[in-house]
């Protein structure tokens, strides 16, 4: 349930921002915060898709989050440890990038 709500708020935030990329409104910021909160809630409950999503949001600095590779890797590792193949692929790409 939390993940679906997160996707809803993410859609609202991204849809409005894509139409008006230079004007981030208070409702856009609220939608971003709500999306992150619901992704976090689902991730903390062990939902690997939400863990992967948070990892990617931190990796790319999206939805108002500053890029943070440490937090990105933490969430991606949690998802990968549950068998999330995309998380494992991203972690392998990050490893090969730094090798």
PDB file of N, CA and C in Angstrom:
ATOM      1  N   UNK A   1       0.820  -1.192   0.000  1.00  0.00           N
ATOM      2  CA  UNK A   1       0.000   0.000   0.000  1.00  0.00           C
ATOM      3  C   UNK A   1       0.869   1.264   0.000  1.00  0.00           C
ATOM      4  N   UNK A   2       1.894   1.302   0.838  1.00  0.00           N
ATOM      5  CA  UNK A   2       2.772   2.476   0.890  1.00  0.00           C
ATOM      6  C   UNK A   2       3.447   2.713  -0.453  1.00  0.00           C
ATOM      7  N   UNK A   3       3.871   1.617  -1.107  1.00  0.00           N
ATOM      8  CA  UNK A   3       4.574   1.760  -2.374  1.00  0.00           C
ATOM      9  C   UNK A   3       3.654   2.376  -3.430  1.00  0.00           C
ATOM     10  N   UNK A   4       2.398   1.940  -3.468  1.00  0.00           N
ATOM     11  CA  UNK A   4       1.458   2.492  -4.449  1.00  0.00           C
ATOM     12  C   UNK A   4       1.210   3.983  -4.195  1.00  0.00           C
ATOM     13  N   UNK A   5       1.115   4.355  -2.935  1.00  0.00           N
ATOM     14  CA  UNK A   5       0.953   5.779  -2.617  1.00  0.00           C
ATOM     15  C   UNK A   5       2.191   6.564  -3.023  1.00  0.00           C
ATOM     16  N   UNK A   6       3.356   5.989  -2.805  1.00  0.00           N
ATOM     17  CA  UNK A   6       4.602   6.641  -3.198  1.00  0.00           C
ATOM     18  C   UNK A   6       4.622   6.889  -4.701  1.00  0.00           C
ATOM     19  N   UNK A   7       4.228   5.886  -5.474  1.00  0.00           N
ATOM     20  CA  UNK A   7       4.208   6.036  -6.930  1.00  0.00           C
ATOM     21  C   UNK A   7       3.213   7.121  -7.355  1.00  0.00           C
ATOM     22  N   UNK A   8       2.094   7.205  -6.660  1.00  0.00           N
ATOM     23  CA  UNK A   8       1.099   8.233  -6.959  1.00  0.00           C
ATOM     24  C   UNK A   8       1.685   9.627  -6.743  1.00  0.00           C
ATOM     25  N   UNK A   9       2.299   9.844  -5.580  1.00  0.00           N
ATOM     26  CA  UNK A   9       2.876  11.162  -5.290  1.00  0.00           C
ATOM     27  C   UNK A   9       4.069  11.455  -6.202  1.00  0.00           C
ATOM     28  N   UNK A  10       4.837  10.428  -6.530  1.00  0.00           N
ATOM     29  CA  UNK A  10       5.948  10.624  -7.469  1.00  0.00           C
ATOM     30  C   UNK A  10       5.403  11.084  -8.818  1.00  0.00           C
ATOM     31  N   UNK A  11       4.346  10.439  -9.264  1.00  0.00           N
ATOM     32  CA  UNK A  11       3.730  10.819 -10.538  1.00  0.00           C
ATOM     33  C   UNK A  11       3.266  12.278 -10.505  1.00  0.00           C
ATOM     34  N   UNK A  12       2.604  12.656  -9.426  1.00  0.00           N
ATOM     35  CA  UNK A  12       2.153  14.045  -9.302  1.00  0.00           C
ATOM     36  C   UNK A  12       3.326  15.017  -9.352  1.00  0.00           C
ATOM     37  N   UNK A  13       4.374  14.702  -8.608  1.00  0.00           N
ATOM     38  CA  UNK A  13       5.537  15.593  -8.545  1.00  0.00           C
ATOM     39  C   UNK A  13       6.231  15.687  -9.896  1.00  0.00           C
ATOM     40  N   UNK A  14       6.436  14.572 -10.553  1.00  0.00           N
ATOM     41  CA  UNK A  14       7.166  14.578 -11.821  1.00  0.00           C
ATOM     42  C   UNK A  14       6.328  15.120 -12.966  1.00  0.00           C
ATOM     43  N   UNK A  15       5.043  14.854 -12.941  1.00  0.00           N
ATOM     44  CA  UNK A  15       4.173  15.325 -14.018  1.00  0.00           C
ATOM     45  C   UNK A  15       4.081  16.844 -14.022  1.00  0.00           C
ATOM     46  N   UNK A  16       3.915  17.442 -12.864  1.00  0.00           N
ATOM     47  CA  UNK A  16       3.843  18.896 -12.771  1.00  0.00           C
ATOM     48  C   UNK A  16       5.188  19.517 -13.101  1.00  0.00           C
ATOM     49  N   UNK A  17       6.264  18.932 -12.560  1.00  0.00           N
ATOM     50  CA  UNK A  17       7.593  19.501 -12.769  1.00  0.00           C
ATOM     51  C   UNK A  17       8.007  19.424 -14.232  1.00  0.00           C
ATOM     52  N   UNK A  18       7.599  18.358 -14.941  1.00  0.00           N
ATOM     53  CA  UNK A  18       7.981  18.252 -16.353  1.00  0.00           C
ATOM     54  C   UNK A  18       7.296  19.315 -17.204  1.00  0.00           C
ATOM     55  N   UNK A  19       6.128  19.783 -16.770  1.00  0.00           N
ATOM     56  CA  UNK A  19       5.429  20.841 -17.513  1.00  0.00           C
ATOM     57  C   UNK A  19       6.025  22.217 -17.234  1.00  0.00           C
ATOM     58  N   UNK A  20       6.478  22.412 -15.971  1.00  0.00           N
ATOM     59  CA  UNK A  20       7.012  23.703 -15.546  1.00  0.00           C
ATOM     60  C   UNK A  20       8.335  23.496 -14.816  1.00  0.00           C
ATOM     61  N   UNK A  21       9.401  23.137 -15.551  1.00  0.00           N
ATOM     62  CA  UNK A  21      10.657  22.748 -14.897  1.00  0.00           C
ATOM     63  C   UNK A  21      11.382  23.844 -14.131  1.00  0.00           C
ATOM     64  N   UNK A  22      11.030  25.085 -14.348  1.00  0.00           N
ATOM     65  CA  UNK A  22      11.743  26.153 -13.640  1.00  0.00           C
ATOM     66  C   UNK A  22      10.982  26.640 -12.413  1.00  0.00           C
ATOM     67  N   UNK A  23       9.777  26.159 -12.213  1.00  0.00           N
ATOM     68  CA  UNK A  23       8.956  26.664 -11.118  1.00  0.00           C
ATOM     69  C   UNK A  23       8.495  25.510 -10.220  1.00  0.00           C
ATOM     70  N   UNK A  24       9.266  25.217  -9.194  1.00  0.00           N
ATOM     71  CA  UNK A  24       8.902  24.185  -8.235  1.00  0.00           C
ATOM     72  C   UNK A  24       7.989  24.820  -7.192  1.00  0.00           C
ATOM     73  N   UNK A  25       6.739  24.405  -7.186  1.00  0.00           N
ATOM     74  CA  UNK A  25       5.759  24.993  -6.281  1.00  0.00           C
ATOM     75  C   UNK A  25       5.749  24.268  -4.940  1.00  0.00           C
ATOM     76  N   UNK A  26       5.041  24.847  -4.004  1.00  0.00           N
ATOM     77  CA  UNK A  26       4.909  24.224  -2.681  1.00  0.00           C
ATOM     78  C   UNK A  26       4.234  22.860  -2.788  1.00  0.00           C
ATOM     79  N   UNK A  27       3.245  22.733  -3.667  1.00  0.00           N
ATOM     80  CA  UNK A  27       2.580  21.438  -3.824  1.00  0.00           C
ATOM     81  C   UNK A  27       3.517  20.409  -4.454  1.00  0.00           C
ATOM     82  N   UNK A  28       4.415  20.850  -5.351  1.00  0.00           N
ATOM     83  CA  UNK A  28       5.413  19.938  -5.916  1.00  0.00           C
ATOM     84  C   UNK A  28       6.319  19.414  -4.810  1.00  0.00           C
ATOM     85  N   UNK A  29       6.766  20.307  -3.943  1.00  0.00           N
ATOM     86  CA  UNK A  29       7.639  19.898  -2.836  1.00  0.00           C
ATOM     87  C   UNK A  29       6.903  18.957  -1.893  1.00  0.00           C
ATOM     88  N   UNK A  30       5.631  19.226  -1.643  1.00  0.00           N
ATOM     89  CA  UNK A  30       4.831  18.349  -0.795  1.00  0.00           C
ATOM     90  C   UNK A  30       4.690  16.975  -1.433  1.00  0.00           C
ATOM     91  N   UNK A  31       4.441  16.939  -2.731  1.00  0.00           N
ATOM     92  CA  UNK A  31       4.331  15.657  -3.433  1.00  0.00           C
ATOM     93  C   UNK A  31       5.651  14.895  -3.388  1.00  0.00           C
ATOM     94  N   UNK A  32       6.767  15.604  -3.541  1.00  0.00           N
ATOM     95  CA  UNK A  32       8.071  14.958  -3.456  1.00  0.00           C
ATOM     96  C   UNK A  32       8.290  14.363  -2.066  1.00  0.00           C
ATOM     97  N   UNK A  33       8.013  15.154  -1.033  1.00  0.00           N
ATOM     98  CA  UNK A  33       8.185  14.675   0.348  1.00  0.00           C
ATOM     99  C   UNK A  33       7.287  13.479   0.631  1.00  0.00           C
ATOM    100  N   UNK A  34       6.034  13.554   0.168  1.00  0.00           N
ATOM    101  CA  UNK A  34       5.116  12.432   0.379  1.00  0.00           C
ATOM    102  C   UNK A  34       5.606  11.178  -0.331  1.00  0.00           C
ATOM    103  N   UNK A  35       6.076  11.336  -1.564  1.00  0.00           N
ATOM    104  CA  UNK A  35       6.578  10.183  -2.307  1.00  0.00           C
ATOM    105  C   UNK A  35       7.753   9.547  -1.571  1.00  0.00           C
ATOM    106  N   UNK A  36       8.695  10.356  -1.138  1.00  0.00           N
ATOM    107  CA  UNK A  36       9.867   9.832  -0.431  1.00  0.00           C
ATOM    108  C   UNK A  36       9.447   9.166   0.868  1.00  0.00           C
ATOM    109  N   UNK A  37       8.532   9.779   1.599  1.00  0.00           N
ATOM    110  CA  UNK A  37       8.081   9.209   2.867  1.00  0.00           C
ATOM    111  C   UNK A  37       7.462   7.827   2.650  1.00  0.00           C
ATOM    112  N   UNK A  38       6.593   7.713   1.637  1.00  0.00           N
ATOM    113  CA  UNK A  38       5.959   6.416   1.381  1.00  0.00           C
ATOM    114  C   UNK A  38       6.950   5.387   0.829  1.00  0.00           C
ATOM    115  N   UNK A  39       7.902   5.819  -0.009  1.00  0.00           N
ATOM    116  CA  UNK A  39       8.953   4.884  -0.447  1.00  0.00           C
ATOM    117  C   UNK A  39       9.749   4.403   0.761  1.00  0.00           C
ATOM    118  N   UNK A  40      10.097   5.328   1.651  1.00  0.00           N
ATOM    119  CA  UNK A  40      10.855   4.972   2.847  1.00  0.00           C
ATOM    120  C   UNK A  40      10.062   4.009   3.732  1.00  0.00           C
ATOM    121  N   UNK A  41       8.798   4.301   3.915  1.00  0.00           N
ATOM    122  CA  UNK A  41       7.948   3.442   4.728  1.00  0.00           C
ATOM    123  C   UNK A  41       7.919   2.016   4.174  1.00  0.00           C
ATOM    124  N   UNK A  42       7.725   1.888   2.869  1.00  0.00           N
ATOM    125  CA  UNK A  42       7.685   0.560   2.246  1.00  0.00           C
ATOM    126  C   UNK A  42       9.057  -0.116   2.313  1.00  0.00           C
ATOM    127  N   UNK A  43      10.113   0.663   2.114  1.00  0.00           N
ATOM    128  CA  UNK A  43      11.475   0.108   2.154  1.00  0.00           C
ATOM    129  C   UNK A  43      11.812  -0.410   3.542  1.00  0.00           C
ATOM    130  N   UNK A  44      11.425   0.331   4.567  1.00  0.00           N
ATOM    131  CA  UNK A  44      11.698  -0.095   5.944  1.00  0.00           C
ATOM    132  C   UNK A  44      10.895  -1.340   6.321  1.00  0.00           C
ATOM    133  N   UNK A  45       9.810  -1.579   5.617  1.00  0.00           N
ATOM    134  CA  UNK A  45       9.029  -2.792   5.829  1.00  0.00           C
ATOM    135  C   UNK A  45       9.603  -3.973   5.045  1.00  0.00           C
ATOM    136  N   UNK A  46      10.700  -3.730   4.316  1.00  0.00           N
ATOM    137  CA  UNK A  46      11.386  -4.802   3.608  1.00  0.00           C
ATOM    138  C   UNK A  46      10.968  -5.004   2.171  1.00  0.00           C
ATOM    139  N   UNK A  47      10.243  -4.065   1.593  1.00  0.00           N
ATOM    140  CA  UNK A  47       9.803  -4.196   0.206  1.00  0.00           C
ATOM    141  C   UNK A  47      10.966  -3.843  -0.712  1.00  0.00           C
ATOM    142  N   UNK A  48      11.492  -4.839  -1.404  1.00  0.00           N
ATOM    143  CA  UNK A  48      12.723  -4.657  -2.176  1.00  0.00           C
ATOM    144  C   UNK A  48      12.587  -3.650  -3.312  1.00  0.00           C
ATOM    145  N   UNK A  49      11.424  -3.567  -3.913  1.00  0.00           N
ATOM    146  CA  UNK A  49      11.235  -2.606  -5.003  1.00  0.00           C
ATOM    147  C   UNK A  49      11.338  -1.179  -4.476  1.00  0.00           C
ATOM    148  N   UNK A  50      10.825  -0.929  -3.290  1.00  0.00           N
ATOM    149  CA  UNK A  50      10.942   0.405  -2.678  1.00  0.00           C
ATOM    150  C   UNK A  50      12.386   0.678  -2.283  1.00  0.00           C
ATOM    151  N   UNK A  51      13.086  -0.338  -1.802  1.00  0.00           N
ATOM    152  CA  UNK A  51      14.506  -0.180  -1.463  1.00  0.00           C
ATOM    153  C   UNK A  51      15.297   0.172  -2.718  1.00  0.00           C
ATOM    154  N   UNK A  52      15.010  -0.515  -3.808  1.00  0.00           N
ATOM    155  CA  UNK A  52      15.676  -0.220  -5.076  1.00  0.00           C
ATOM    156  C   UNK A  52      15.373   1.209  -5.518  1.00  0.00           C
ATOM    157  N   UNK A  53      14.105   1.600  -5.428  1.00  0.00           N
ATOM    158  CA  UNK A  53      13.703   2.942  -5.853  1.00  0.00           C
ATOM    159  C   UNK A  53      14.420   4.006  -5.037  1.00  0.00           C
ATOM    160  N   UNK A  54      14.485   3.823  -3.707  1.00  0.00           N
ATOM    161  CA  UNK A  54      15.202   4.791  -2.872  1.00  0.00           C
ATOM    162  C   UNK A  54      16.677   4.845  -3.257  1.00  0.00           C
ATOM    163  N   UNK A  55      17.262   3.703  -3.516  1.00  0.00           N
ATOM    164  CA  UNK A  55      18.657   3.667  -3.945  1.00  0.00           C
ATOM    165  C   UNK A  55      18.881   4.474  -5.210  1.00  0.00           C
ATOM    166  N   UNK A  56      17.983   4.330  -6.160  1.00  0.00           N
ATOM    167  CA  UNK A  56      18.118   5.060  -7.413  1.00  0.00           C
ATOM    168  C   UNK A  56      17.848   6.554  -7.226  1.00  0.00           C
ATOM    169  N   UNK A  57      16.905   6.884  -6.364  1.00  0.00           N
ATOM    170  CA  UNK A  57      16.636   8.302  -6.087  1.00  0.00           C
ATOM    171  C   UNK A  57      17.859   8.973  -5.468  1.00  0.00           C
ATOM    172  N   UNK A  58      18.502   8.278  -4.542  1.00  0.00           N
ATOM    173  CA  UNK A  58      19.724   8.829  -3.936  1.00  0.00           C
ATOM    174  C   UNK A  58      20.873   8.850  -4.934  1.00  0.00           C
ATOM    175  N   UNK A  59      20.974   7.839  -5.745  1.00  0.00           N
ATOM    176  CA  UNK A  59      22.067   7.777  -6.716  1.00  0.00           C
ATOM    177  C   UNK A  59      21.969   8.925  -7.715  1.00  0.00           C
ATOM    178  N   UNK A  60      20.752   9.225  -8.167  1.00  0.00           N
ATOM    179  CA  UNK A  60      20.546  10.236  -9.199  1.00  0.00           C
ATOM    180  C   UNK A  60      20.138  11.606  -8.656  1.00  0.00           C
ATOM    181  N   UNK A  61      19.925  11.700  -7.352  1.00  0.00           N
ATOM    182  CA  UNK A  61      19.511  12.973  -6.772  1.00  0.00           C
ATOM    183  C   UNK A  61      18.165  13.436  -7.303  1.00  0.00           C
ATOM    184  N   UNK A  62      17.157  12.609  -7.135  1.00  0.00           N
ATOM    185  CA  UNK A  62      15.832  12.922  -7.662  1.00  0.00           C
ATOM    186  C   UNK A  62      14.829  13.153  -6.536  1.00  0.00           C
ATOM    187  N   UNK A  63      13.691  13.700  -6.896  1.00  0.00           N
ATOM    188  CA  UNK A  63      12.586  14.007  -5.974  1.00  0.00           C
ATOM    189  C   UNK A  63      13.042  14.873  -4.803  1.00  0.00           C
ATOM    190  N   UNK A  64      13.929  15.787  -5.088  1.00  0.00           N
ATOM    191  CA  UNK A  64      14.387  16.718  -4.065  1.00  0.00           C
ATOM    192  C   UNK A  64      15.506  16.192  -3.180  1.00  0.00           C
ATOM    193  N   UNK A  65      15.939  14.958  -3.392  1.00  0.00           N
ATOM    194  CA  UNK A  65      17.051  14.405  -2.611  1.00  0.00           C
ATOM    195  C   UNK A  65      18.373  14.808  -3.249  1.00  0.00           C
ATOM    196  N   UNK A  66      19.335  15.130  -2.424  1.00  0.00           N
ATOM    197  CA  UNK A  66      20.683  15.365  -2.922  1.00  0.00           C
ATOM    198  C   UNK A  66      21.315  14.018  -3.245  1.00  0.00           C
ATOM    199  N   UNK A  67      22.129  13.956  -4.288  1.00  0.00           N
ATOM    200  CA  UNK A  67      22.814  12.695  -4.564  1.00  0.00           C
ATOM    201  C   UNK A  67      23.652  12.269  -3.361  1.00  0.00           C
ATOM    202  N   UNK A  68      23.546  10.998  -3.017  1.00  0.00           N
ATOM    203  CA  UNK A  68      24.286  10.465  -1.887  1.00  0.00           C
ATOM    204  C   UNK A  68      24.601   9.005  -2.188  1.00  0.00           C
ATOM    205  N   UNK A  69      25.817   8.777  -2.635  1.00  0.00           N
ATOM    206  CA  UNK A  69      26.198   7.433  -3.066  1.00  0.00           C
ATOM    207  C   UNK A  69      26.203   6.424  -1.912  1.00  0.00           C
ATOM    208  N   UNK A  70      26.549   6.868  -0.725  1.00  0.00           N
ATOM    209  CA  UNK A  70      26.564   5.965   0.434  1.00  0.00           C
ATOM    210  C   UNK A  70      25.158   5.452   0.731  1.00  0.00           C
ATOM    211  N   UNK A  71      24.191   6.366   0.779  1.00  0.00           N
ATOM    212  CA  UNK A  71      22.808   5.959   1.029  1.00  0.00           C
ATOM    213  C   UNK A  71      22.268   5.145  -0.147  1.00  0.00           C
ATOM    214  N   UNK A  72      22.640   5.516  -1.353  1.00  0.00           N
ATOM    215  CA  UNK A  72      22.198   4.766  -2.530  1.00  0.00           C
ATOM    216  C   UNK A  72      22.670   3.320  -2.449  1.00  0.00           C
ATOM    217  N   UNK A  73      23.944   3.143  -2.145  1.00  0.00           N
ATOM    218  CA  UNK A  73      24.479   1.777  -2.056  1.00  0.00           C
ATOM    219  C   UNK A  73      23.831   0.991  -0.923  1.00  0.00           C
ATOM    220  N   UNK A  74      23.540   1.658   0.198  1.00  0.00           N
ATOM    221  CA  UNK A  74      22.890   0.968   1.306  1.00  0.00           C
ATOM    222  C   UNK A  74      21.536   0.398   0.871  1.00  0.00           C
ATOM    223  N   UNK A  75      20.707   1.241   0.239  1.00  0.00           N
ATOM    224  CA  UNK A  75      19.390   0.785  -0.189  1.00  0.00           C
ATOM    225  C   UNK A  75      19.486  -0.237  -1.306  1.00  0.00           C
ATOM    226  N   UNK A  76      20.396  -0.033  -2.238  1.00  0.00           N
ATOM    227  CA  UNK A  76      20.568  -1.001  -3.328  1.00  0.00           C
ATOM    228  C   UNK A  76      21.040  -2.345  -2.797  1.00  0.00           C
ATOM    229  N   UNK A  77      21.931  -2.336  -1.814  1.00  0.00           N
ATOM    230  CA  UNK A  77      22.388  -3.595  -1.210  1.00  0.00           C
ATOM    231  C   UNK A  77      21.250  -4.321  -0.510  1.00  0.00           C
ATOM    232  N   UNK A  78      20.403  -3.578   0.195  1.00  0.00           N
ATOM    233  CA  UNK A  78      19.255  -4.211   0.858  1.00  0.00           C
ATOM    234  C   UNK A  78      18.343  -4.880  -0.166  1.00  0.00           C
ATOM    235  N   UNK A  79      18.098  -4.199  -1.270  1.00  0.00           N
ATOM    236  CA  UNK A  79      17.251  -4.773  -2.320  1.00  0.00           C
ATOM    237  C   UNK A  79      17.930  -5.976  -2.977  1.00  0.00           C
ATOM    238  N   UNK A  80      19.212  -5.833  -3.277  1.00  0.00           N
ATOM    239  CA  UNK A  80      19.950  -6.923  -3.931  1.00  0.00           C
ATOM    240  C   UNK A  80      20.011  -8.162  -3.039  1.00  0.00           C
ATOM    241  N   UNK A  81      20.149  -7.973  -1.745  1.00  0.00           N
ATOM    242  CA  UNK A  81      20.194  -9.097  -0.810  1.00  0.00           C
ATOM    243  C   UNK A  81      18.879  -9.865  -0.768  1.00  0.00           C
ATOM    244  N   UNK A  82      17.827  -9.244  -1.264  1.00  0.00           N
ATOM    245  CA  UNK A  82      16.538  -9.928  -1.354  1.00  0.00           C
ATOM    246  C   UNK A  82      16.292 -10.481  -2.762  1.00  0.00           C
ATOM    247  N   UNK A  83      17.304 -10.404  -3.610  1.00  0.00           N
ATOM    248  CA  UNK A  83      17.192 -10.955  -4.948  1.00  0.00           C
ATOM    249  C   UNK A  83      16.689  -9.999  -6.010  1.00  0.00           C
ATOM    250  N   UNK A  84      16.676  -8.718  -5.725  1.00  0.00           N
ATOM    251  CA  UNK A  84      16.229  -7.722  -6.712  1.00  0.00           C
ATOM    252  C   UNK A  84      17.310  -7.601  -7.783  1.00  0.00           C
ATOM    253  N   UNK A  85      17.038  -8.132  -8.958  1.00  0.00           N
ATOM    254  CA  UNK A  85      18.060  -8.230 -10.009  1.00  0.00           C
ATOM    255  C   UNK A  85      18.522  -6.873 -10.526  1.00  0.00           C
ATOM    256  N   UNK A  86      17.632  -5.907 -10.640  1.00  0.00           N
ATOM    257  CA  UNK A  86      18.036  -4.578 -11.113  1.00  0.00           C
ATOM    258  C   UNK A  86      18.992  -3.914 -10.124  1.00  0.00           C
ATOM    259  N   UNK A  87      18.734  -4.095  -8.838  1.00  0.00           N
ATOM    260  CA  UNK A  87      19.626  -3.532  -7.818  1.00  0.00           C
ATOM    261  C   UNK A  87      21.009  -4.155  -7.936  1.00  0.00           C
ATOM    262  N   UNK A  88      21.043  -5.451  -8.148  1.00  0.00           N
ATOM    263  CA  UNK A  88      22.320  -6.143  -8.310  1.00  0.00           C
ATOM    264  C   UNK A  88      23.054  -5.631  -9.547  1.00  0.00           C
ATOM    265  N   UNK A  89      22.335  -5.413 -10.635  1.00  0.00           N
ATOM    266  CA  UNK A  89      22.944  -4.882 -11.865  1.00  0.00           C
ATOM    267  C   UNK A  89      23.549  -3.497 -11.636  1.00  0.00           C
ATOM    268  N   UNK A  90      22.809  -2.637 -10.948  1.00  0.00           N
ATOM    269  CA  UNK A  90      23.300  -1.282 -10.686  1.00  0.00           C
ATOM    270  C   UNK A  90      24.535  -1.339  -9.794  1.00  0.00           C
ATOM    271  N   UNK A  91      24.503  -2.179  -8.767  1.00  0.00           N
ATOM    272  CA  UNK A  91      25.669  -2.317  -7.886  1.00  0.00           C
ATOM    273  C   UNK A  91      26.882  -2.822  -8.658  1.00  0.00           C
ATOM    274  N   UNK A  92      26.672  -3.774  -9.561  1.00  0.00           N
ATOM    275  CA  UNK A  92      27.781  -4.272 -10.387  1.00  0.00           C
ATOM    276  C   UNK A  92      28.331  -3.180 -11.293  1.00  0.00           C
ATOM    277  N   UNK A  93      27.457  -2.341 -11.826  1.00  0.00           N
ATOM    278  CA  UNK A  93      27.913  -1.223 -12.668  1.00  0.00           C
ATOM    279  C   UNK A  93      28.709  -0.220 -11.847  1.00  0.00           C
ATOM    280  N   UNK A  94      28.247   0.036 -10.635  1.00  0.00           N
ATOM    281  CA  UNK A  94      28.985   0.957  -9.763  1.00  0.00           C
ATOM    282  C   UNK A  94      30.360   0.390  -9.421  1.00  0.00           C
ATOM    283  N   UNK A  95      30.421  -0.911  -9.136  1.00  0.00           N
ATOM    284  CA  UNK A  95      31.694  -1.558  -8.818  1.00  0.00           C
ATOM    285  C   UNK A  95      32.664  -1.486  -9.995  1.00  0.00           C
ATOM    286  N   UNK A  96      32.160  -1.777 -11.190  1.00  0.00           N
ATOM    287  CA  UNK A  96      33.028  -1.752 -12.379  1.00  0.00           C
ATOM    288  C   UNK A  96      33.471  -0.330 -12.704  1.00  0.00           C
ATOM    289  N   UNK A  97      32.643   0.645 -12.372  1.00  0.00           N
ATOM    290  CA  UNK A  97      32.996   2.052 -12.608  1.00  0.00           C
ATOM    291  C   UNK A  97      34.177   2.474 -11.727  1.00  0.00           C
ATOM    292  N   UNK A  98      34.237   1.935 -10.519  1.00  0.00           N
ATOM    293  CA  UNK A  98      35.297   2.318  -9.592  1.00  0.00           C
ATOM    294  C   UNK A  98      36.505   1.412  -9.640  1.00  0.00           C
ATOM    295  N   UNK A  99      36.425   0.343 -10.428  1.00  0.00           N
ATOM    296  CA  UNK A  99      37.574  -0.582 -10.529  1.00  0.00           C
ATOM    297  C   UNK A  99      38.590  -0.133 -11.527  1.00  0.00           C
TER     298      UNK A  99
END
